Each structure stands twice: as structure tokens, then as C-alpha cells.
């Protein structure tokens, strides 16, 4: 049994154009349920995030969705999750995702996914937490994100040690194997965020 009990997954509210993204979401959700790892996610029923949540639920796993109130009015909230927490803001949502998770996984996604990825990496850089952060490469999806960080390092805006703040993993099966081995990280009080 892994010491990772809850995994925050940051991923798209769209499915993207490559069918590999949706398939990766299904494999991840099923794998998390079978491993007994609770999914913690942004609470949406659409896109990759909905696919992951549906797969966890279909395989008998637990899902915590955290969504800001204004998005519930857009009718995108997933109404079949194990628990749905409605927050007053996007920032409160991120704090709750942080509090509820032992580690973080970045899957394919758009601007919101990039925002969440950079923020959780930055919080680790600032020593606000030491929870593992994984970037799951699905069909080359993380290359642009990593290239941006490498460019910042090359231009002197970030230390070379910034690459140690996260781990790039090739594909969902490798992520599921890695989750069996890595210990849960530690986090400071969410009030510091």
C-alpha cells in the first residue's frame, strides 16, 4: 500500500484533439481506484477532469471535487462525486486542493492546468510544502511546460535546481507505478499560501 492516500490531479476541462489524452484519463482514474488512492480534483464533470473522476467512480474509488461557487452556476460541477466542496473563490479552491492532497499530478490541459502546475511548483520552491509533483507526459504534452521552465533557467530567471521541484513521468502506467514507491510529502499550514 502506498503512503500516497490522496492525489490532486490538475487536468483539462476539455478533452483535447488527441484521443490519447482521454484514454490516459480513463487509465489514471481506474488505476487510482484500484490502488485505493482518493482523487482530489477541480470538481468539474467535463473534459479530462470529468473522465478521470468518472473512471475512479466506475472502479469503486473515492473522489473529492473542489469547485468555486461561480462555476456551479455554469453547471459544470460533477454531481456524482463522493464529496463535493463548493468554495467562495478560485484561491480558496486551490488551498483546499493543497490541504487534501499528499501529492500532485499534472495531466494534459490548458491555461487553468498551467496555472495550477506553476503555482504548486512555485509553492514548493518557496518551501511552503515538500509534496511530490509529477508531470505526466501523454503524447508529448509536458514538453512545452518543461521547455518554458528550462528557458527561464537558461536565461537566469530560475535556478537550475528548479528542475528538482517536479518529476516528469512518461505515461499513466509509469505514474501509477511511481505512486507505489514515493512517500507522501509534507506541507505547511495552508494559511501561508
N, C-alpha and C. Protein backbone atom coordinates (compact mmCIF):
# COMPACT_ATOMS: atom_id res chain seq x y z
N UNK A 1 0.85 -1.19 0.00
CA UNK A 1 0.00 0.00 0.00
C UNK A 1 0.89 1.24 0.00
N UNK A 2 0.51 2.18 -0.79
CA UNK A 2 1.29 3.41 -0.92
C UNK A 2 1.00 4.36 0.24
N UNK A 3 1.95 5.23 0.51
CA UNK A 3 1.69 6.25 1.52
C UNK A 3 1.00 7.46 0.89
N UNK A 4 0.83 7.43 -0.42
CA UNK A 4 0.03 8.45 -1.09
C UNK A 4 -1.43 7.99 -0.99
N UNK A 5 -2.20 8.67 -0.16
CA UNK A 5 -3.60 8.32 0.02
C UNK A 5 -4.54 9.19 -0.80
N UNK A 6 -4.11 10.42 -1.07
CA UNK A 6 -4.92 11.36 -1.84
C UNK A 6 -4.03 12.07 -2.85
N UNK A 7 -4.46 12.08 -4.10
CA UNK A 7 -3.68 12.69 -5.17
C UNK A 7 -4.50 13.78 -5.84
N UNK A 8 -3.96 15.01 -5.85
CA UNK A 8 -4.59 16.08 -6.60
C UNK A 8 -4.18 15.94 -8.06
N UNK A 9 -5.16 15.96 -8.93
CA UNK A 9 -4.89 15.87 -10.37
C UNK A 9 -5.34 17.17 -11.02
N UNK A 10 -4.39 17.82 -11.69
CA UNK A 10 -4.67 19.03 -12.45
C UNK A 10 -4.74 18.63 -13.92
N UNK A 11 -5.86 18.90 -14.57
CA UNK A 11 -6.03 18.49 -15.96
C UNK A 11 -7.10 19.34 -16.63
N UNK A 12 -7.26 19.13 -17.93
CA UNK A 12 -8.10 19.98 -18.74
C UNK A 12 -9.59 19.85 -18.53
N UNK A 13 -10.28 20.97 -18.73
CA UNK A 13 -11.74 20.98 -18.75
C UNK A 13 -12.24 20.74 -20.17
N UNK A 14 -11.32 20.42 -21.05
CA UNK A 14 -11.62 19.98 -22.41
C UNK A 14 -10.88 18.67 -22.63
N UNK A 15 -11.28 17.92 -23.65
CA UNK A 15 -10.62 16.63 -23.89
C UNK A 15 -9.43 16.74 -24.83
N UNK A 16 -9.28 17.85 -25.53
CA UNK A 16 -8.18 17.99 -26.46
C UNK A 16 -8.43 17.24 -27.75
N UNK A 17 -7.52 17.38 -28.71
CA UNK A 17 -7.73 16.79 -30.03
C UNK A 17 -7.15 15.39 -30.18
N UNK A 18 -6.26 15.01 -29.28
CA UNK A 18 -5.63 13.69 -29.37
C UNK A 18 -6.40 12.72 -28.47
N UNK A 19 -6.95 11.63 -29.02
CA UNK A 19 -7.69 10.66 -28.21
C UNK A 19 -6.85 10.04 -27.09
N UNK A 20 -5.53 10.14 -27.19
CA UNK A 20 -4.66 9.60 -26.15
C UNK A 20 -4.87 10.31 -24.81
N UNK A 21 -5.28 11.57 -24.84
CA UNK A 21 -5.48 12.32 -23.60
C UNK A 21 -6.65 11.73 -22.80
N UNK A 22 -7.78 11.52 -23.46
CA UNK A 22 -8.95 10.94 -22.78
C UNK A 22 -8.65 9.53 -22.30
N UNK A 23 -7.96 8.77 -23.12
CA UNK A 23 -7.63 7.39 -22.72
C UNK A 23 -6.72 7.40 -21.50
N UNK A 24 -5.77 8.31 -21.46
CA UNK A 24 -4.89 8.43 -20.30
C UNK A 24 -5.70 8.76 -19.04
N UNK A 25 -6.71 9.62 -19.19
CA UNK A 25 -7.57 9.96 -18.06
C UNK A 25 -8.33 8.75 -17.54
N UNK A 26 -8.85 7.94 -18.45
CA UNK A 26 -9.57 6.72 -18.04
C UNK A 26 -8.64 5.73 -17.33
N UNK A 27 -7.45 5.54 -17.87
CA UNK A 27 -6.50 4.61 -17.26
C UNK A 27 -6.09 5.12 -15.88
N UNK A 28 -5.85 6.43 -15.77
CA UNK A 28 -5.47 7.00 -14.48
C UNK A 28 -6.57 6.79 -13.44
N UNK A 29 -7.80 7.14 -13.79
CA UNK A 29 -8.90 7.01 -12.83
C UNK A 29 -9.09 5.59 -12.35
N UNK A 30 -9.06 4.64 -13.28
CA UNK A 30 -9.21 3.23 -12.91
C UNK A 30 -8.06 2.79 -12.02
N UNK A 31 -6.85 3.20 -12.38
CA UNK A 31 -5.67 2.83 -11.59
C UNK A 31 -5.68 3.41 -10.19
N UNK A 32 -6.12 4.65 -10.06
CA UNK A 32 -6.20 5.26 -8.72
C UNK A 32 -7.19 4.51 -7.84
N UNK A 33 -8.34 4.18 -8.40
CA UNK A 33 -9.35 3.44 -7.63
C UNK A 33 -8.80 2.09 -7.18
N UNK A 34 -8.16 1.37 -8.09
CA UNK A 34 -7.62 0.05 -7.74
C UNK A 34 -6.50 0.14 -6.71
N UNK A 35 -5.77 1.26 -6.71
CA UNK A 35 -4.69 1.45 -5.73
C UNK A 35 -5.20 1.99 -4.40
N UNK A 36 -6.48 2.33 -4.33
CA UNK A 36 -7.03 2.89 -3.09
C UNK A 36 -6.61 4.32 -2.84
N UNK A 37 -6.28 5.04 -3.90
CA UNK A 37 -5.87 6.44 -3.78
C UNK A 37 -7.06 7.33 -4.13
N UNK A 38 -7.42 8.22 -3.22
CA UNK A 38 -8.53 9.14 -3.45
C UNK A 38 -8.12 10.20 -4.46
N UNK A 39 -9.00 10.44 -5.43
CA UNK A 39 -8.81 11.52 -6.38
C UNK A 39 -9.29 12.82 -5.76
N UNK A 40 -8.45 13.84 -5.80
CA UNK A 40 -8.82 15.19 -5.41
C UNK A 40 -8.66 16.04 -6.67
N UNK A 41 -9.74 16.70 -7.08
CA UNK A 41 -9.67 17.43 -8.35
C UNK A 41 -10.60 18.63 -8.33
N UNK A 42 -10.61 19.36 -9.43
CA UNK A 42 -11.33 20.63 -9.50
C UNK A 42 -12.83 20.57 -9.55
N UNK A 43 -13.42 19.38 -9.47
CA UNK A 43 -14.86 19.25 -9.31
C UNK A 43 -15.70 19.33 -10.55
N UNK A 44 -15.08 19.39 -11.73
CA UNK A 44 -15.85 19.50 -12.96
C UNK A 44 -16.25 18.15 -13.54
N UNK A 45 -17.34 18.15 -14.29
CA UNK A 45 -17.82 16.93 -14.94
C UNK A 45 -17.41 16.87 -16.40
N UNK A 46 -16.70 17.90 -16.88
CA UNK A 46 -16.36 18.00 -18.29
C UNK A 46 -14.87 17.79 -18.51
N UNK A 47 -14.51 17.51 -19.76
CA UNK A 47 -13.11 17.40 -20.15
C UNK A 47 -12.40 16.21 -19.53
N UNK A 48 -11.09 16.30 -19.51
CA UNK A 48 -10.27 15.24 -18.93
C UNK A 48 -10.61 15.06 -17.46
N UNK A 49 -10.88 16.19 -16.77
CA UNK A 49 -11.18 16.06 -15.34
C UNK A 49 -12.43 15.21 -15.12
N UNK A 50 -13.43 15.37 -15.93
CA UNK A 50 -14.63 14.54 -15.81
C UNK A 50 -14.36 13.09 -16.12
N UNK A 51 -13.52 12.85 -17.11
CA UNK A 51 -13.17 11.48 -17.50
C UNK A 51 -12.44 10.77 -16.36
N UNK A 52 -11.48 11.45 -15.75
CA UNK A 52 -10.73 10.85 -14.63
C UNK A 52 -11.69 10.53 -13.49
N UNK A 53 -12.51 11.50 -13.11
CA UNK A 53 -13.45 11.30 -11.99
C UNK A 53 -14.41 10.15 -12.28
N UNK A 54 -14.97 10.12 -13.50
CA UNK A 54 -15.90 9.05 -13.86
C UNK A 54 -15.24 7.68 -13.77
N UNK A 55 -13.97 7.60 -14.20
CA UNK A 55 -13.26 6.32 -14.17
C UNK A 55 -12.99 5.87 -12.74
N UNK A 56 -12.64 6.82 -11.86
CA UNK A 56 -12.44 6.46 -10.45
C UNK A 56 -13.74 5.92 -9.87
N UNK A 57 -14.82 6.64 -10.10
CA UNK A 57 -16.12 6.23 -9.55
C UNK A 57 -16.57 4.88 -10.11
N UNK A 58 -16.39 4.68 -11.42
CA UNK A 58 -16.81 3.42 -12.04
C UNK A 58 -16.05 2.23 -11.48
N UNK A 59 -14.81 2.48 -11.01
CA UNK A 59 -14.00 1.40 -10.45
C UNK A 59 -14.13 1.31 -8.93
N UNK A 60 -15.07 2.07 -8.35
CA UNK A 60 -15.34 1.97 -6.92
C UNK A 60 -14.47 2.82 -6.03
N UNK A 61 -13.80 3.82 -6.58
CA UNK A 61 -12.92 4.67 -5.78
C UNK A 61 -13.61 5.89 -5.23
N UNK A 62 -12.86 6.65 -4.43
CA UNK A 62 -13.36 7.87 -3.79
C UNK A 62 -12.87 9.09 -4.56
N UNK A 63 -13.76 10.08 -4.65
CA UNK A 63 -13.46 11.30 -5.39
C UNK A 63 -13.91 12.51 -4.58
N UNK A 64 -12.99 13.42 -4.35
CA UNK A 64 -13.30 14.71 -3.73
C UNK A 64 -13.17 15.78 -4.81
N UNK A 65 -14.27 16.45 -5.10
CA UNK A 65 -14.26 17.56 -6.04
C UNK A 65 -14.31 18.87 -5.27
N UNK A 66 -13.52 19.84 -5.70
CA UNK A 66 -13.49 21.15 -5.06
C UNK A 66 -13.70 22.19 -6.16
N UNK A 67 -14.80 22.90 -6.08
CA UNK A 67 -15.17 23.81 -7.16
C UNK A 67 -15.64 25.14 -6.59
N UNK A 68 -15.26 26.26 -7.21
CA UNK A 68 -15.77 27.54 -6.74
C UNK A 68 -17.24 27.71 -7.10
N UNK A 69 -17.95 28.45 -6.29
CA UNK A 69 -19.39 28.60 -6.43
C UNK A 69 -19.78 29.11 -7.82
N UNK A 70 -19.04 30.06 -8.36
CA UNK A 70 -19.44 30.63 -9.65
C UNK A 70 -19.43 29.59 -10.77
N UNK A 71 -18.58 28.57 -10.67
CA UNK A 71 -18.57 27.53 -11.70
C UNK A 71 -19.77 26.58 -11.55
N UNK A 72 -20.32 26.48 -10.35
CA UNK A 72 -21.53 25.65 -10.21
C UNK A 72 -22.69 26.29 -10.97
N UNK A 73 -22.70 27.62 -11.08
CA UNK A 73 -23.74 28.31 -11.84
C UNK A 73 -23.60 28.07 -13.33
N UNK A 74 -22.39 27.72 -13.76
CA UNK A 74 -22.16 27.39 -15.18
C UNK A 74 -22.56 25.94 -15.46
N UNK A 75 -23.01 25.25 -14.41
CA UNK A 75 -23.48 23.87 -14.48
C UNK A 75 -22.41 22.90 -14.97
N UNK A 76 -21.20 23.11 -14.47
CA UNK A 76 -20.12 22.18 -14.83
C UNK A 76 -19.70 21.31 -13.66
N UNK A 77 -20.34 21.48 -12.50
CA UNK A 77 -19.97 20.68 -11.33
C UNK A 77 -20.36 19.22 -11.53
N UNK A 78 -19.49 18.34 -11.08
CA UNK A 78 -19.73 16.89 -11.16
C UNK A 78 -20.62 16.50 -9.99
N UNK A 79 -21.83 16.07 -10.28
CA UNK A 79 -22.80 15.83 -9.20
C UNK A 79 -22.79 14.39 -8.67
N UNK A 80 -21.86 13.56 -9.16
CA UNK A 80 -21.85 12.17 -8.69
C UNK A 80 -20.59 11.83 -7.89
N UNK A 81 -19.77 12.82 -7.56
CA UNK A 81 -18.55 12.54 -6.81
C UNK A 81 -18.89 12.12 -5.38
N UNK A 82 -17.93 11.50 -4.72
CA UNK A 82 -18.13 11.06 -3.34
C UNK A 82 -18.42 12.25 -2.44
N UNK A 83 -17.67 13.33 -2.64
CA UNK A 83 -17.86 14.56 -1.87
C UNK A 83 -17.56 15.74 -2.77
N UNK A 84 -18.43 16.75 -2.73
CA UNK A 84 -18.22 17.98 -3.49
C UNK A 84 -18.16 19.15 -2.53
N UNK A 85 -17.06 19.87 -2.55
CA UNK A 85 -16.88 21.05 -1.71
C UNK A 85 -17.00 22.27 -2.62
N UNK A 86 -17.86 23.19 -2.25
CA UNK A 86 -18.04 24.42 -3.01
C UNK A 86 -17.35 25.55 -2.23
N UNK A 87 -16.42 26.23 -2.90
CA UNK A 87 -15.65 27.30 -2.26
C UNK A 87 -16.12 28.66 -2.73
N UNK A 88 -15.63 29.70 -2.04
CA UNK A 88 -16.03 31.06 -2.39
C UNK A 88 -15.16 31.69 -3.47
N UNK A 89 -14.02 31.06 -3.80
CA UNK A 89 -13.13 31.66 -4.79
C UNK A 89 -12.20 30.60 -5.38
N UNK A 90 -11.54 30.97 -6.46
CA UNK A 90 -10.55 30.09 -7.07
C UNK A 90 -9.39 29.85 -6.10
N UNK A 91 -8.97 30.89 -5.40
CA UNK A 91 -7.83 30.72 -4.49
C UNK A 91 -8.19 29.78 -3.34
N UNK A 92 -9.38 29.92 -2.79
CA UNK A 92 -9.81 29.02 -1.73
C UNK A 92 -9.87 27.59 -2.25
N UNK A 93 -10.29 27.43 -3.49
CA UNK A 93 -10.30 26.10 -4.12
C UNK A 93 -8.89 25.51 -4.14
N UNK A 94 -7.91 26.30 -4.58
CA UNK A 94 -6.54 25.80 -4.66
C UNK A 94 -5.99 25.43 -3.28
N UNK A 95 -6.31 26.25 -2.29
CA UNK A 95 -5.86 25.93 -0.93
C UNK A 95 -6.45 24.61 -0.45
N UNK A 96 -7.71 24.38 -0.75
CA UNK A 96 -8.36 23.14 -0.32
C UNK A 96 -7.76 21.93 -1.05
N UNK A 97 -7.50 22.07 -2.36
CA UNK A 97 -6.84 21.00 -3.10
C UNK A 97 -5.49 20.68 -2.47
N UNK A 98 -4.75 21.72 -2.10
CA UNK A 98 -3.46 21.55 -1.46
C UNK A 98 -3.60 20.82 -0.12
N UNK A 99 -4.54 21.27 0.70
CA UNK A 99 -4.72 20.68 2.03
C UNK A 99 -5.10 19.21 1.97
N UNK A 100 -5.88 18.82 1.00
CA UNK A 100 -6.45 17.48 0.91
C UNK A 100 -5.53 16.46 0.23
N UNK A 101 -4.38 16.90 -0.28
CA UNK A 101 -3.56 16.04 -1.14
C UNK A 101 -2.19 15.73 -0.54
N UNK A 102 -1.75 14.49 -0.82
CA UNK A 102 -0.39 14.07 -0.42
C UNK A 102 0.62 14.31 -1.53
N UNK A 103 0.14 14.47 -2.76
CA UNK A 103 1.00 14.68 -3.93
C UNK A 103 0.14 15.29 -5.03
N UNK A 104 0.81 15.73 -6.10
CA UNK A 104 0.13 16.42 -7.19
C UNK A 104 0.55 15.81 -8.52
N UNK A 105 -0.41 15.70 -9.43
CA UNK A 105 -0.16 15.17 -10.76
C UNK A 105 -0.72 16.13 -11.79
N UNK A 106 0.12 16.51 -12.74
CA UNK A 106 -0.30 17.37 -13.84
C UNK A 106 -0.49 16.50 -15.07
N UNK A 107 -1.70 16.52 -15.60
CA UNK A 107 -2.07 15.80 -16.82
C UNK A 107 -2.28 16.83 -17.93
N UNK A 108 -2.56 16.40 -19.17
CA UNK A 108 -2.79 17.36 -20.24
C UNK A 108 -3.93 18.33 -19.91
N UNK A 109 -3.73 19.58 -20.31
CA UNK A 109 -4.73 20.59 -20.06
C UNK A 109 -4.34 21.92 -20.65
N UNK A 110 -5.12 22.93 -20.36
CA UNK A 110 -4.91 24.26 -20.91
C UNK A 110 -4.43 25.26 -19.88
N UNK A 111 -4.91 26.49 -20.00
CA UNK A 111 -4.40 27.59 -19.17
C UNK A 111 -4.61 27.34 -17.68
N UNK A 112 -5.78 26.83 -17.31
CA UNK A 112 -6.03 26.56 -15.89
C UNK A 112 -5.09 25.51 -15.34
N UNK A 113 -4.80 24.50 -16.14
CA UNK A 113 -3.86 23.45 -15.73
C UNK A 113 -2.47 24.02 -15.58
N UNK A 114 -2.07 24.89 -16.51
CA UNK A 114 -0.74 25.52 -16.41
C UNK A 114 -0.66 26.36 -15.15
N UNK A 115 -1.74 27.11 -14.87
CA UNK A 115 -1.78 27.95 -13.68
C UNK A 115 -1.58 27.11 -12.42
N UNK A 116 -2.33 26.02 -12.33
CA UNK A 116 -2.23 25.15 -11.15
C UNK A 116 -0.85 24.52 -11.05
N UNK A 117 -0.30 24.09 -12.18
CA UNK A 117 1.02 23.47 -12.19
C UNK A 117 2.09 24.45 -11.72
N UNK A 118 2.10 25.63 -12.30
CA UNK A 118 3.13 26.61 -11.92
C UNK A 118 2.97 27.05 -10.48
N UNK A 119 1.73 27.19 -10.02
CA UNK A 119 1.53 27.63 -8.64
C UNK A 119 2.02 26.58 -7.64
N UNK A 120 1.69 25.31 -7.87
CA UNK A 120 2.10 24.29 -6.90
C UNK A 120 3.61 24.08 -6.94
N UNK A 121 4.22 24.24 -8.13
CA UNK A 121 5.68 24.17 -8.23
C UNK A 121 6.31 25.35 -7.51
N UNK A 122 5.74 26.54 -7.69
CA UNK A 122 6.26 27.73 -7.02
C UNK A 122 6.13 27.62 -5.51
N UNK A 123 5.00 27.10 -5.03
CA UNK A 123 4.83 26.93 -3.58
C UNK A 123 5.90 25.98 -3.04
N UNK A 124 6.26 24.98 -3.82
CA UNK A 124 7.32 24.06 -3.37
C UNK A 124 8.67 24.78 -3.37
N UNK A 125 8.93 25.57 -4.40
CA UNK A 125 10.17 26.35 -4.46
C UNK A 125 10.29 27.27 -3.24
N UNK A 126 9.18 27.84 -2.81
CA UNK A 126 9.17 28.75 -1.67
C UNK A 126 9.16 28.01 -0.33
N UNK A 127 9.26 26.68 -0.38
CA UNK A 127 9.29 25.82 0.80
C UNK A 127 8.01 25.88 1.62
N UNK A 128 6.89 26.14 0.94
CA UNK A 128 5.60 26.09 1.60
C UNK A 128 5.10 24.66 1.73
N UNK A 129 5.68 23.76 0.94
CA UNK A 129 5.38 22.34 1.06
C UNK A 129 6.53 21.55 0.44
N UNK A 130 6.54 20.25 0.72
CA UNK A 130 7.50 19.35 0.10
C UNK A 130 6.77 18.09 -0.36
N UNK A 131 5.63 18.31 -1.00
CA UNK A 131 4.84 17.20 -1.53
C UNK A 131 5.31 16.90 -2.95
N UNK A 132 5.34 15.64 -3.34
CA UNK A 132 5.78 15.29 -4.70
C UNK A 132 4.87 15.91 -5.76
N UNK A 133 5.50 16.34 -6.86
CA UNK A 133 4.79 16.89 -8.01
C UNK A 133 5.24 16.10 -9.23
N UNK A 134 4.27 15.52 -9.92
CA UNK A 134 4.56 14.72 -11.11
C UNK A 134 3.92 15.37 -12.33
N UNK A 135 4.66 15.43 -13.42
CA UNK A 135 4.13 15.87 -14.70
C UNK A 135 4.04 14.64 -15.57
N UNK A 136 2.83 14.24 -15.91
CA UNK A 136 2.62 13.03 -16.72
C UNK A 136 2.65 13.39 -18.19
N UNK A 137 3.64 12.88 -18.89
CA UNK A 137 3.77 13.14 -20.31
C UNK A 137 2.89 12.16 -21.10
N UNK A 138 1.88 12.72 -21.75
CA UNK A 138 1.00 11.94 -22.62
C UNK A 138 1.16 12.50 -24.02
N UNK A 139 1.75 11.74 -24.90
CA UNK A 139 1.93 12.15 -26.30
C UNK A 139 2.63 13.51 -26.42
N UNK A 140 3.67 13.71 -25.59
CA UNK A 140 4.44 14.94 -25.65
C UNK A 140 3.82 16.14 -24.97
N UNK A 141 2.79 15.93 -24.16
CA UNK A 141 2.03 17.04 -23.58
C UNK A 141 2.81 17.93 -22.63
N UNK A 142 3.82 17.41 -21.94
CA UNK A 142 4.53 18.25 -20.98
C UNK A 142 5.74 18.97 -21.56
N UNK A 143 6.11 18.65 -22.78
CA UNK A 143 7.30 19.25 -23.38
C UNK A 143 7.27 20.79 -23.37
N UNK A 144 6.17 21.44 -23.75
CA UNK A 144 6.16 22.91 -23.73
C UNK A 144 6.30 23.49 -22.33
N UNK A 145 5.67 22.85 -21.34
CA UNK A 145 5.76 23.32 -19.97
C UNK A 145 7.20 23.22 -19.47
N UNK A 146 7.84 22.09 -19.69
CA UNK A 146 9.22 21.89 -19.26
C UNK A 146 10.15 22.83 -20.04
N UNK A 147 9.87 23.05 -21.32
CA UNK A 147 10.69 23.97 -22.12
C UNK A 147 10.63 25.38 -21.58
N UNK A 148 9.47 25.80 -21.09
CA UNK A 148 9.34 27.13 -20.50
C UNK A 148 10.20 27.24 -19.25
N UNK A 149 10.18 26.22 -18.41
CA UNK A 149 11.00 26.23 -17.19
C UNK A 149 12.47 26.20 -17.56
N UNK A 150 12.85 25.36 -18.53
CA UNK A 150 14.25 25.30 -18.96
C UNK A 150 14.71 26.64 -19.53
N UNK A 151 13.82 27.33 -20.25
CA UNK A 151 14.17 28.64 -20.80
C UNK A 151 14.42 29.64 -19.67
N UNK A 152 13.57 29.62 -18.65
CA UNK A 152 13.76 30.51 -17.51
C UNK A 152 15.09 30.24 -16.83
N UNK A 153 15.45 28.96 -16.72
CA UNK A 153 16.74 28.59 -16.13
C UNK A 153 17.88 29.10 -17.01
N UNK A 154 17.80 28.85 -18.31
CA UNK A 154 18.85 29.26 -19.25
C UNK A 154 19.05 30.77 -19.26
N UNK A 155 17.97 31.52 -19.05
CA UNK A 155 18.05 32.98 -19.07
C UNK A 155 18.36 33.59 -17.70
N UNK A 156 18.59 32.74 -16.71
CA UNK A 156 18.98 33.23 -15.39
C UNK A 156 17.83 33.69 -14.52
N UNK A 157 16.60 33.37 -14.90
CA UNK A 157 15.44 33.77 -14.09
C UNK A 157 15.06 32.71 -13.05
N UNK A 158 15.59 31.53 -13.18
CA UNK A 158 15.33 30.45 -12.22
C UNK A 158 16.61 29.66 -12.03
N UNK A 159 16.77 29.11 -10.85
CA UNK A 159 17.96 28.31 -10.55
C UNK A 159 17.88 26.95 -11.24
N UNK A 160 19.01 26.36 -11.60
CA UNK A 160 18.97 25.01 -12.18
C UNK A 160 18.26 24.00 -11.28
N UNK A 161 18.29 24.23 -9.97
CA UNK A 161 17.63 23.33 -9.03
C UNK A 161 16.11 23.35 -9.19
N UNK A 162 15.58 24.28 -9.97
CA UNK A 162 14.13 24.32 -10.21
C UNK A 162 13.65 23.03 -10.85
N UNK A 163 14.51 22.37 -11.61
CA UNK A 163 14.12 21.11 -12.24
C UNK A 163 13.92 19.99 -11.21
N UNK A 164 14.44 20.18 -9.99
CA UNK A 164 14.28 19.18 -8.93
C UNK A 164 12.95 19.29 -8.20
N UNK A 165 12.17 20.31 -8.52
CA UNK A 165 10.90 20.55 -7.84
C UNK A 165 9.78 19.64 -8.32
N UNK A 166 9.99 18.99 -9.47
CA UNK A 166 8.98 18.13 -10.07
C UNK A 166 9.66 16.98 -10.79
N UNK A 167 8.87 15.98 -11.11
CA UNK A 167 9.37 14.81 -11.82
C UNK A 167 8.52 14.56 -13.05
N UNK A 168 9.16 14.45 -14.20
CA UNK A 168 8.45 14.13 -15.43
C UNK A 168 8.38 12.61 -15.57
N UNK A 169 7.18 12.10 -15.80
CA UNK A 169 6.97 10.66 -15.92
C UNK A 169 6.27 10.39 -17.25
N UNK A 170 6.77 9.42 -17.98
CA UNK A 170 6.25 9.10 -19.30
C UNK A 170 5.06 8.15 -19.22
N UNK A 171 3.87 8.71 -19.28
CA UNK A 171 2.65 7.90 -19.35
C UNK A 171 2.05 7.53 -18.01
N UNK A 172 0.76 7.25 -18.05
CA UNK A 172 0.00 6.94 -16.84
C UNK A 172 0.45 5.64 -16.17
N UNK A 173 0.72 4.54 -16.90
CA UNK A 173 1.17 3.33 -16.21
C UNK A 173 2.41 3.57 -15.35
N UNK A 174 3.34 4.38 -15.85
CA UNK A 174 4.54 4.69 -15.07
C UNK A 174 4.21 5.55 -13.86
N UNK A 175 3.24 6.44 -13.99
CA UNK A 175 2.79 7.25 -12.85
C UNK A 175 2.23 6.34 -11.76
N UNK A 176 1.38 5.42 -12.15
CA UNK A 176 0.76 4.51 -11.17
C UNK A 176 1.81 3.67 -10.45
N UNK A 177 2.83 3.25 -11.17
CA UNK A 177 3.93 2.51 -10.53
C UNK A 177 4.71 3.41 -9.59
N UNK A 178 4.97 4.65 -10.00
CA UNK A 178 5.73 5.59 -9.17
C UNK A 178 4.99 5.89 -7.87
N UNK A 179 3.67 5.99 -7.94
CA UNK A 179 2.88 6.29 -6.75
C UNK A 179 2.99 5.20 -5.69
N UNK A 180 3.33 3.98 -6.11
CA UNK A 180 3.51 2.88 -5.16
C UNK A 180 4.79 3.05 -4.34
N UNK A 181 5.74 3.82 -4.86
CA UNK A 181 7.07 3.89 -4.28
C UNK A 181 7.38 5.18 -3.53
N UNK A 182 6.77 6.26 -3.94
CA UNK A 182 7.13 7.56 -3.37
C UNK A 182 6.34 7.82 -2.09
N UNK A 183 7.01 8.32 -1.06
CA UNK A 183 6.28 8.65 0.17
C UNK A 183 5.51 9.96 0.01
N UNK A 184 4.46 10.09 0.80
CA UNK A 184 3.71 11.34 0.81
C UNK A 184 4.61 12.47 1.28
N UNK A 185 4.37 13.64 0.77
CA UNK A 185 5.17 14.78 1.17
C UNK A 185 4.60 15.46 2.40
N UNK A 186 5.27 16.50 2.80
CA UNK A 186 4.84 17.28 3.96
C UNK A 186 4.39 18.65 3.49
N UNK A 187 3.52 19.24 4.24
CA UNK A 187 3.03 20.56 3.88
C UNK A 187 2.90 21.44 5.09
N UNK A 188 3.15 22.70 4.88
CA UNK A 188 2.96 23.68 5.94
C UNK A 188 1.50 24.08 6.02
N UNK A 189 1.19 24.97 6.94
CA UNK A 189 -0.20 25.41 7.08
C UNK A 189 -0.69 26.14 5.83
N UNK A 190 -1.91 25.83 5.43
CA UNK A 190 -2.47 26.46 4.24
C UNK A 190 -2.62 27.96 4.41
N UNK A 191 -2.63 28.44 5.64
CA UNK A 191 -2.78 29.88 5.87
C UNK A 191 -1.60 30.66 5.31
N UNK A 192 -0.47 29.97 5.05
CA UNK A 192 0.70 30.65 4.47
C UNK A 192 0.58 30.85 2.98
N UNK A 193 -0.38 30.18 2.36
CA UNK A 193 -0.49 30.23 0.90
C UNK A 193 -1.16 31.51 0.43
